[in-house]
Protein backbone atom coordinates (compact mmCIF):
# COMPACT_ATOMS: atom_id res chain seq x y z
CA ALA A 1 -8.69 -5.27 -1.25
CA ASP A 2 -10.90 -2.80 -3.06
CA PRO A 3 -14.52 -2.14 -2.17
CA GLU A 4 -15.78 -3.39 -5.48
CA GLY A 5 -14.09 -6.76 -5.15
CA GLY A 6 -10.83 -6.21 -6.95
CA TRP A 7 -7.40 -5.64 -5.63
CA THR A 8 -4.63 -2.88 -6.02
CA VAL A 9 -1.13 -3.87 -5.67
CA VAL A 10 0.96 -0.98 -4.29
CA ASP A 11 4.80 -0.84 -4.55
CA TRP A 12 5.96 1.76 -2.13
CA LYS A 13 9.19 3.66 -3.33
CA THR A 14 11.37 5.76 -1.17
CA GLY A 15 13.14 7.40 -4.19
CA ASP A 16 11.84 10.14 -6.52
CA PRO A 17 9.44 9.35 -9.24
CA PRO A 18 11.24 8.57 -12.62
CA ARG A 19 11.23 11.01 -15.33
CA ASP A 20 10.00 8.23 -17.70
CA PRO A 21 7.53 6.10 -15.82
CA SER A 22 6.81 3.72 -18.61
CA SER A 23 10.07 1.87 -17.84
CA ALA A 24 8.80 1.05 -14.40
CA SER A 25 5.44 -0.13 -15.77
CA VAL A 26 6.92 -3.71 -16.61
CA GLN A 27 7.70 -4.17 -12.91
CA LEU A 28 4.15 -3.29 -12.03
CA ALA A 29 2.82 -5.63 -14.75
CA ALA A 30 4.63 -8.52 -13.31
CA TYR A 31 3.45 -7.67 -9.80
CA ARG A 32 -0.15 -7.58 -10.97
CA LEU A 33 0.04 -10.91 -12.76
CA ALA A 34 1.64 -12.55 -9.66
CA TRP A 35 -0.96 -11.29 -7.43
CA ALA A 36 -3.71 -12.36 -9.78
CA GLU A 37 -2.23 -15.90 -9.89
CA LEU A 38 -1.47 -16.13 -6.07
CA SER A 39 -4.97 -14.86 -5.14
CA GLY A 40 -6.96 -16.72 -7.72
CA THR A 41 -8.36 -13.24 -8.86
CA PRO A 42 -8.97 -12.53 -12.69
CA VAL A 43 -6.35 -10.21 -13.78
CA ASP A 44 -8.54 -7.65 -14.94
CA ARG A 45 -9.68 -7.30 -11.40
CA VAL A 46 -6.25 -6.33 -10.28
CA ARG A 47 -4.66 -2.96 -10.55
CA ALA A 48 -1.19 -1.83 -9.58
CA ALA A 49 0.52 1.33 -8.62
CA PHE A 50 3.77 2.96 -7.32
CA HIS A 51 3.48 5.20 -4.30
CA TYR A 52 6.41 7.59 -4.05
CA VAL A 53 6.68 8.34 -0.39
CA ARG A 54 8.90 11.43 -0.49
CA ALA A 55 6.78 13.07 -3.24
CA ASP A 56 3.62 11.72 -1.67
CA ARG A 57 2.64 10.82 -5.09
CA THR A 58 0.79 7.79 -6.48
CA VAL A 59 1.16 6.65 -10.12
CA ALA A 60 -1.27 4.13 -11.36
CA PRO A 61 -0.68 3.13 -15.06
CA VAL A 62 -3.72 1.86 -16.75
CA ASP A 63 -1.99 0.24 -19.83
CA LEU A 64 0.00 -2.58 -18.06
CA LEU A 65 1.12 -5.46 -20.15
CA ASP A 66 -0.85 -8.73 -19.81
CA ALA A 67 1.02 -12.24 -19.59
CA ALA A 68 1.22 -12.49 -23.36
CA GLY A 69 2.79 -9.01 -23.57
CA LEU A 70 5.27 -9.64 -20.86
CA HIS A 71 6.23 -13.08 -22.45
CA ALA A 72 6.77 -11.28 -25.78
CA LEU A 73 9.00 -8.72 -24.09
CA VAL A 74 11.10 -11.33 -22.35
CA GLU A 75 11.56 -13.21 -25.64
CA GLN A 76 13.17 -10.04 -27.13
CA ILE A 77 16.03 -10.15 -24.48
CA PRO A 78 19.13 -11.78 -26.07
CA ALA A 79 20.27 -14.87 -24.37
CA ALA A 80 23.38 -14.65 -22.36
CA GLY A 81 26.32 -16.55 -23.59
């Protein structure tokens, strides 16, 4: 919980930070939406970050996809078959 009433979801990573952090942002967006739903918190009050333990570095993207953005992204994935 954050002092101002929101939340920060942190995914702790043991590996090195990726060279292109944008690819990992989809994962954080999903975690953020899940926590908002589970906790009953408005999604705009939930932030998300990766903390890379070995590098002692926290990466907190500010442009995470919302539910519609994630849905549109998933819709672009070809169906298996």
